Amino acid sequence: MLRVQDVTKRFGRHLAVDRASFEVGQGEVVGLLGPNGAGKTTIIRMITGTVPPDAGAVSVHGLDSMAQSRQVRGLIGYMPESAPLYGEMRVDSYLRHRGKLFGMARSDLAGALRRELDRCMISDVARSRIATLSKGYRQRVALAAALLHQPKVLILDEPTNALDPAQVRQTRALIREVARTTTLLLSSHVLSEVERVCDRVVVLAAGRIRADMPLAMLAGTGERVFNVEARQEAHPSSAASESLDAGALEQALSRDAGARALERHDLAQNWTRWRLGVPSVSATDPRETIARVLARAGWLARELSEERPSLERAFERLTSGGDAPSESVARGEAASGGAA
């Protein structure tokens, strides 16, 4: 169990983290998301005990990260984005060195070395000098080093950076395997990777937590979005009660379907494309009403489809400025009963 409770950190006049709180339980994979400067790295450093919080506390399996720093560090595996590696060392020698730093017995270290060389797909370069390896291989060496002592809490910063597509898929599978017995916090700028491996996300902006909720709930918050392509008919069918131009059509869609125009683009051959936003609380399928409005206004539709909820759009909405949401909304309590 990892618990971050009301931590605050200032660097001079800059408030890097402002009363941030969240928990990660065993078997959970939680994504820590935020734009550059949001406070993600500062929170990770407070968790690992390298930076003390000005207020609040961090605990790992009940141990305080500062007061019991040595014990906590033994429970944590940490792979930073630019992991420091000793380029002059061979891969196997480096991993043995890391194991000794964690106090692993020689008998345990031999088995752990074989296990992580295989799991992280680096057995073929075990005798190679680290400096001669590609960036992708070095990334996997860093991951093996973080896993070697079988940590209770694993923190990964951009774990799939520089990996090829096959290695990315294998690393995803490894993350899910490790998460069965480990508390896992993953920080990444690649939102598609977060969507594939995380159960929950904590979104930071300007040092404050903007959301802490299951991934599916976050991606599905806000409006439902529909794509429409239509063209005003030169000779409206008998179903049309009036012929409206694009501006008047948008007013009719807003009035009758509750749909607001998010974007409008004019296409070739007089076709027009809209992205329409409809509040998620709508009980019926808005496409039926949108289709009726188009037909009544004398427009022929060739596309009317709903966009899949997007983590990217939810992320943009939460980090694009403005005040942070209320605590209950940020933690997803309205639908989930509280943070997991």
Protein backbone atom coordinates (compact mmCIF):
# COMPACT_ATOMS: atom_id res chain seq x y z
CA MET A 1 0.00 0.00 0.00
CA LEU A 2 1.26 3.44 -0.97
CA ARG A 3 -0.36 6.44 0.72
CA VAL A 4 0.28 10.09 -0.11
CA GLN A 5 -1.51 12.31 2.38
CA ASP A 6 -1.86 16.10 2.01
CA VAL A 7 1.72 16.59 0.83
CA THR A 8 2.90 20.09 -0.01
CA LYS A 9 6.26 21.14 -1.41
CA ARG A 10 7.67 24.57 -2.22
CA PHE A 11 10.90 25.48 -3.98
CA GLY A 12 11.43 29.11 -3.00
CA ARG A 13 8.30 30.97 -4.05
CA HIS A 14 7.19 28.20 -6.40
CA LEU A 15 4.47 25.92 -5.03
CA ALA A 16 5.31 22.63 -6.76
CA VAL A 17 2.77 20.40 -4.97
CA ASP A 18 -0.30 21.66 -3.13
CA ARG A 19 -1.96 19.33 -0.58
CA ALA A 20 -1.93 16.26 -2.81
CA SER A 21 -3.49 13.03 -1.54
CA PHE A 22 -4.01 9.61 -3.12
CA GLU A 23 -3.54 5.92 -2.40
CA VAL A 24 -2.44 2.93 -4.46
CA GLY A 25 -3.30 -0.56 -3.26
CA GLN A 26 -1.69 -3.90 -3.97
CA GLY A 27 -2.60 -5.22 -7.40
CA GLU A 28 -3.48 -1.74 -8.68
CA VAL A 29 -1.80 0.01 -11.60
CA VAL A 30 -2.31 3.75 -11.21
CA GLY A 31 -1.25 6.31 -13.79
CA LEU A 32 0.18 9.61 -12.57
CA LEU A 33 -0.57 12.13 -15.32
CA GLY A 34 0.04 15.82 -15.81
CA PRO A 35 1.71 18.33 -18.11
CA ASN A 36 5.34 19.35 -17.64
CA GLY A 37 5.72 21.21 -14.37
CA ALA A 38 2.56 19.72 -12.86
CA GLY A 39 4.43 18.24 -9.87
CA LYS A 40 4.70 14.57 -10.88
CA THR A 41 8.48 14.29 -10.41
CA THR A 42 8.32 16.11 -7.08
CA ILE A 43 5.68 13.68 -5.80
CA ILE A 44 7.77 10.71 -6.95
CA ARG A 45 10.82 12.11 -5.16
CA MET A 46 8.80 12.55 -1.98
CA ILE A 47 7.60 8.95 -2.24
CA THR A 48 11.13 7.64 -2.71
CA GLY A 49 12.42 9.74 0.19
CA THR A 50 14.87 11.86 -1.80
CA VAL A 51 12.89 15.09 -1.23
CA PRO A 52 11.12 15.80 2.08
CA PRO A 53 7.60 17.25 1.98
CA ASP A 54 7.07 20.64 3.66
CA ALA A 55 3.76 19.33 5.00
CA GLY A 56 1.86 16.06 4.90
CA ALA A 57 3.29 12.56 4.81
CA VAL A 58 4.03 9.61 2.55
CA SER A 59 3.86 6.04 3.81
CA VAL A 60 4.76 2.74 2.17
CA HIS A 61 3.26 -0.34 3.83
CA GLY A 62 2.78 1.73 6.97
CA LEU A 63 6.35 3.09 7.08
CA ASP A 64 7.02 6.83 6.89
CA SER A 65 9.11 7.68 3.81
CA MET A 66 11.27 10.17 5.70
CA ALA A 67 11.38 8.92 9.31
CA GLN A 68 12.00 5.34 8.12
CA SER A 69 13.67 6.20 4.84
CA ARG A 70 16.13 3.28 4.73
CA GLN A 71 13.42 0.64 5.22
CA VAL A 72 11.11 2.36 2.72
CA ARG A 73 13.77 2.48 0.03
CA GLY A 74 14.23 -1.25 0.40
CA LEU A 75 10.53 -1.73 -0.42
CA ILE A 76 10.56 0.45 -3.54
CA GLY A 77 11.69 -0.28 -7.08
CA TYR A 78 12.11 2.91 -9.09
CA MET A 79 12.89 3.34 -12.77
CA PRO A 80 13.32 7.03 -13.66
CA GLU A 81 12.82 8.25 -17.21
CA SER A 82 16.54 8.73 -17.76
CA ALA A 83 17.84 5.95 -15.55
CA PRO A 84 21.49 6.39 -14.48
CA LEU A 85 23.44 3.34 -15.66
CA TYR A 86 27.17 2.58 -15.49
CA GLY A 87 28.10 2.37 -19.14
CA GLU A 88 31.46 0.67 -18.53
CA MET A 89 29.83 -2.27 -16.69
CA ARG A 90 28.40 -5.40 -18.28
CA VAL A 91 24.67 -5.89 -17.90
CA ASP A 92 24.94 -8.91 -15.58
CA SER A 93 27.63 -7.21 -13.45
CA TYR A 94 25.53 -4.10 -13.11
CA LEU A 95 22.47 -6.07 -12.00
CA ARG A 96 24.54 -8.01 -9.45
CA HIS A 97 25.82 -4.68 -8.13
CA ARG A 98 22.26 -3.39 -7.80
CA GLY A 99 21.20 -6.54 -5.97
CA LYS A 100 24.03 -6.18 -3.47
CA LEU A 101 23.05 -2.57 -2.81
CA PHE A 102 19.63 -3.89 -1.73
CA GLY A 103 21.29 -6.43 0.56
CA MET A 104 20.24 -9.48 -1.44
CA ALA A 105 21.88 -12.78 -0.45
CA ARG A 106 24.12 -14.33 -3.09
CA SER A 107 21.85 -17.38 -3.42
CA ASP A 108 18.77 -15.19 -3.96
CA LEU A 109 20.60 -12.87 -6.32
CA ALA A 110 21.58 -15.64 -8.75
CA GLY A 111 17.97 -16.73 -9.23
CA ALA A 112 16.68 -13.13 -9.39
CA LEU A 113 19.26 -12.28 -12.05
CA ARG A 114 18.16 -15.14 -14.30
CA ARG A 115 14.50 -14.25 -13.76
CA GLU A 116 14.82 -10.56 -14.68
CA LEU A 117 17.19 -11.14 -17.60
CA ASP A 118 14.49 -13.37 -19.07
CA ARG A 119 11.45 -11.27 -18.12
CA CYS A 120 12.95 -8.03 -19.40
CA MET A 121 14.19 -9.66 -22.61
CA ILE A 122 17.89 -8.87 -22.11
CA SER A 123 19.41 -12.36 -21.76
CA ASP A 124 21.04 -11.96 -25.17
CA VAL A 125 23.02 -8.91 -24.01
CA ALA A 126 23.82 -10.06 -20.46
CA ARG A 127 27.59 -10.02 -21.15
CA SER A 128 27.54 -6.76 -23.17
CA ARG A 129 28.82 -3.42 -21.89
CA ILE A 130 25.90 -1.11 -21.18
CA ALA A 131 27.46 1.73 -23.17
CA THR A 132 27.25 -0.37 -26.36
CA LEU A 133 23.50 -0.99 -26.04
CA SER A 134 20.70 0.80 -27.86
CA LYS A 135 18.44 3.12 -25.89
CA GLY A 136 15.70 0.49 -25.89
CA TYR A 137 18.00 -2.14 -24.40
CA ARG A 138 19.24 0.31 -21.76
CA GLN A 139 15.63 1.03 -20.86
CA ARG A 140 15.03 -2.67 -20.27
CA VAL A 141 18.19 -2.98 -18.18
CA ALA A 142 16.86 -0.18 -15.97
CA LEU A 143 13.53 -2.00 -15.65
CA ALA A 144 15.30 -5.23 -14.65
CA ALA A 145 17.27 -3.30 -12.01
CA ALA A 146 14.04 -1.90 -10.54
CA LEU A 147 12.46 -5.37 -10.37
CA LEU A 148 15.47 -7.36 -9.18
CA HIS A 149 14.77 -7.23 -5.42
CA GLN A 150 11.02 -7.89 -5.90
CA PRO A 151 9.85 -4.55 -4.49
CA LYS A 152 6.52 -4.08 -2.74
CA VAL A 153 6.01 -0.76 -4.56
CA LEU A 154 7.15 -0.21 -8.14
CA ILE A 155 7.38 3.29 -9.64
CA LEU A 156 7.93 3.52 -13.38
CA ASP A 157 8.58 6.79 -15.22
CA GLU A 158 8.01 6.43 -18.99
CA PRO A 159 8.66 2.66 -18.98
CA THR A 160 8.06 2.15 -22.72
CA ASN A 161 10.19 5.08 -23.88
CA ALA A 162 12.46 4.09 -26.84
CA LEU A 163 11.00 0.58 -27.14
CA ASP A 164 9.87 -0.81 -30.48
CA PRO A 165 6.22 -1.91 -30.91
CA ALA A 166 6.91 -5.57 -30.07
CA GLN A 167 8.87 -4.60 -26.95
CA VAL A 168 6.10 -2.20 -25.92
CA ARG A 169 3.54 -5.02 -26.04
CA GLN A 170 5.82 -7.31 -24.03
CA THR A 171 6.49 -4.59 -21.46
CA ARG A 172 2.75 -3.97 -21.06
CA ALA A 173 2.24 -7.66 -20.35
CA LEU A 174 5.12 -7.60 -17.85
CA ILE A 175 3.62 -4.60 -16.04
CA ARG A 176 0.29 -6.41 -15.68
CA GLU A 177 2.06 -9.53 -14.41
CA VAL A 178 4.10 -7.62 -11.84
CA ALA A 179 1.02 -5.69 -10.69
CA ARG A 180 -0.62 -8.88 -9.38
CA THR A 181 1.63 -8.79 -6.32
CA THR A 182 2.95 -5.20 -6.39
CA THR A 183 1.67 -1.69 -5.81
CA LEU A 184 2.44 0.03 -9.10
CA LEU A 185 2.56 3.74 -9.93
CA LEU A 186 3.23 4.63 -13.56
CA SER A 187 4.04 8.10 -14.86
CA SER A 188 3.85 8.61 -18.61
CA HIS A 189 3.18 11.22 -21.26
CA VAL A 190 1.96 8.53 -23.65
CA LEU A 191 -1.76 8.48 -22.88
CA SER A 192 -2.41 5.46 -25.10
CA GLU A 193 -0.05 3.42 -22.91
CA VAL A 194 -1.82 4.61 -19.77
CA GLU A 195 -5.16 3.54 -21.26
CA ARG A 196 -3.81 0.05 -21.94
CA VAL A 197 -2.21 -0.75 -18.58
CA CYS A 198 -3.72 1.42 -15.84
CA ASP A 199 -6.80 0.78 -13.70
CA ARG A 200 -6.98 4.28 -12.29
CA VAL A 201 -5.50 7.69 -13.01
CA VAL A 202 -4.43 10.61 -10.84
CA VAL A 203 -4.30 13.82 -12.88
CA LEU A 204 -2.13 16.72 -11.69
CA ALA A 205 -2.08 20.32 -12.88
CA ALA A 206 -0.19 23.21 -11.28
CA GLY A 207 0.63 21.06 -8.27
CA ARG A 208 -2.96 20.12 -7.47
CA ILE A 209 -4.87 16.89 -8.07
CA ARG A 210 -7.59 17.53 -10.64
CA ALA A 211 -8.97 13.99 -10.79
CA ASP A 212 -8.51 10.63 -9.06
CA MET A 213 -10.82 8.01 -10.49
CA PRO A 214 -11.06 4.78 -12.50
CA LEU A 215 -9.78 5.20 -16.02
CA ALA A 216 -13.09 4.35 -17.70
CA MET A 217 -14.92 6.92 -15.61
CA LEU A 218 -12.41 9.67 -16.40
CA ALA A 219 -12.44 9.02 -20.15
CA GLY A 220 -16.23 9.02 -20.14
CA THR A 221 -16.85 12.21 -18.16
CA GLY A 222 -18.18 15.41 -19.72
CA GLU A 223 -20.04 15.40 -23.01
CA ARG A 224 -20.81 12.68 -25.49
CA VAL A 225 -19.36 13.72 -28.84
CA PHE A 226 -20.90 12.97 -32.24
CA ASN A 227 -19.49 13.40 -35.73
CA VAL A 228 -21.93 14.55 -38.40
CA GLU A 229 -21.38 15.04 -42.12
CA ALA A 230 -24.32 16.51 -44.00
CA ARG A 231 -25.22 18.61 -47.03
CA GLN A 232 -28.13 20.93 -47.59
CA GLU A 233 -30.31 19.37 -50.28
CA ALA A 234 -30.98 21.42 -53.39
CA HIS A 235 -34.50 19.98 -53.51
CA PRO A 236 -35.52 18.98 -49.97
CA SER A 237 -37.61 15.87 -49.62
CA SER A 238 -41.19 15.98 -48.44
CA ALA A 239 -39.95 15.15 -44.93
CA ALA A 240 -38.37 18.60 -44.68
CA SER A 241 -40.58 21.16 -43.00
CA GLU A 242 -38.13 24.00 -43.63
CA SER A 243 -34.77 24.61 -45.28
CA LEU A 244 -32.15 26.00 -42.89
CA ASP A 245 -28.64 27.25 -43.52
CA ALA A 246 -25.74 25.95 -41.37
CA GLY A 247 -26.08 28.60 -38.68
CA ALA A 248 -29.83 28.11 -38.31
CA LEU A 249 -29.33 24.33 -38.32
CA GLU A 250 -26.95 24.62 -35.36
CA GLN A 251 -29.57 26.61 -33.48
CA ALA A 252 -32.17 23.91 -34.21
CA LEU A 253 -29.78 21.17 -33.06
CA SER A 254 -29.14 23.06 -29.84
CA ARG A 255 -32.83 23.69 -29.22
CA ASP A 256 -34.22 20.26 -30.10
CA ALA A 257 -31.30 17.85 -29.46
CA GLY A 258 -29.34 19.70 -26.79
CA ALA A 259 -26.31 19.52 -29.10
CA ARG A 260 -23.76 22.32 -29.28
CA ALA A 261 -21.37 22.70 -32.18
CA LEU A 262 -17.80 22.08 -31.00
CA GLU A 263 -16.31 22.34 -34.48
CA ARG A 264 -17.56 22.99 -38.01
CA HIS A 265 -15.62 22.45 -41.23
CA ASP A 266 -16.71 23.03 -44.81
CA LEU A 267 -15.79 20.11 -47.09
CA ALA A 268 -15.76 19.59 -50.85
CA GLN A 269 -19.01 19.43 -52.82
CA ASN A 270 -20.93 21.48 -50.23
CA TRP A 271 -20.63 18.88 -47.49
CA THR A 272 -20.20 20.17 -43.91
CA ARG A 273 -18.68 18.32 -40.98
CA TRP A 274 -19.59 18.99 -37.34
CA ARG A 275 -18.42 17.71 -33.99
CA LEU A 276 -21.41 18.02 -31.71
CA GLY A 277 -21.32 17.84 -27.93
CA VAL A 278 -24.31 16.49 -26.01
CA PRO A 279 -24.45 16.33 -22.18
CA SER A 280 -23.76 12.80 -20.88
CA VAL A 281 -26.93 12.91 -18.77
CA SER A 282 -29.06 12.45 -21.88
CA ALA A 283 -31.22 9.38 -21.26
CA THR A 284 -31.95 8.61 -24.93
CA ASP A 285 -29.64 8.12 -27.90
CA PRO A 286 -29.18 11.68 -29.26
CA ARG A 287 -28.50 10.35 -32.77
CA GLU A 288 -32.19 9.74 -33.34
CA THR A 289 -33.09 13.35 -32.52
CA ILE A 290 -30.14 14.73 -34.49
CA ALA A 291 -31.22 12.72 -37.55
CA ARG A 292 -34.78 14.03 -37.28
CA VAL A 293 -33.58 17.63 -36.98
CA LEU A 294 -31.36 17.23 -40.06
CA ALA A 295 -34.20 15.75 -42.12
CA ARG A 296 -36.67 18.42 -40.99
CA ALA A 297 -34.16 21.15 -41.89
CA GLY A 298 -33.60 19.80 -45.40
CA TRP A 299 -30.11 18.33 -44.83
CA LEU A 300 -28.89 14.95 -46.15
CA ALA A 301 -26.61 13.12 -43.70
CA ARG A 302 -23.91 10.69 -44.84
CA GLU A 303 -22.33 10.21 -41.40
CA LEU A 304 -23.73 10.29 -37.88
CA SER A 305 -21.47 8.51 -35.40
CA GLU A 306 -20.43 8.76 -31.75
CA GLU A 307 -16.77 9.20 -30.83
CA ARG A 308 -15.21 6.78 -28.39
CA PRO A 309 -14.56 8.49 -25.03
CA SER A 310 -11.00 9.81 -25.11
CA LEU A 311 -8.53 10.00 -22.23
CA GLU A 312 -6.69 12.66 -24.23
CA ARG A 313 -9.71 14.96 -24.32
CA ALA A 314 -10.43 14.38 -20.63
CA PHE A 315 -6.78 15.15 -19.86
CA GLU A 316 -6.91 18.37 -21.89
CA ARG A 317 -10.12 19.42 -20.15
CA LEU A 318 -8.68 18.86 -16.67
CA THR A 319 -5.29 20.48 -17.28
CA SER A 320 -6.22 23.40 -19.54
CA GLY A 321 -6.53 25.90 -16.69
CA GLY A 322 -9.31 27.20 -14.51
CA ASP A 323 -10.02 26.21 -10.94
CA ALA A 324 -9.60 22.67 -9.76
CA PRO A 325 -12.85 20.71 -9.40
CA SER A 326 -14.37 20.12 -6.02
CA GLU A 327 -12.82 17.35 -3.96
CA SER A 328 -15.75 14.97 -4.48
CA VAL A 329 -15.62 15.41 -8.24
CA ALA A 330 -11.83 15.11 -8.36
CA ARG A 331 -11.98 11.79 -6.53
CA GLY A 332 -14.86 10.47 -8.59
CA GLU A 333 -17.01 9.98 -5.51
CA ALA A 334 -20.27 10.79 -7.26
CA ALA A 335 -20.12 7.56 -9.20
CA SER A 336 -17.61 5.38 -7.40
CA GLY A 337 -18.12 6.13 -3.74
CA GLY A 338 -14.58 7.43 -3.25
CA ALA A 339 -11.07 6.80 -4.43
CA ALA A 340 -10.06 3.20 -4.71
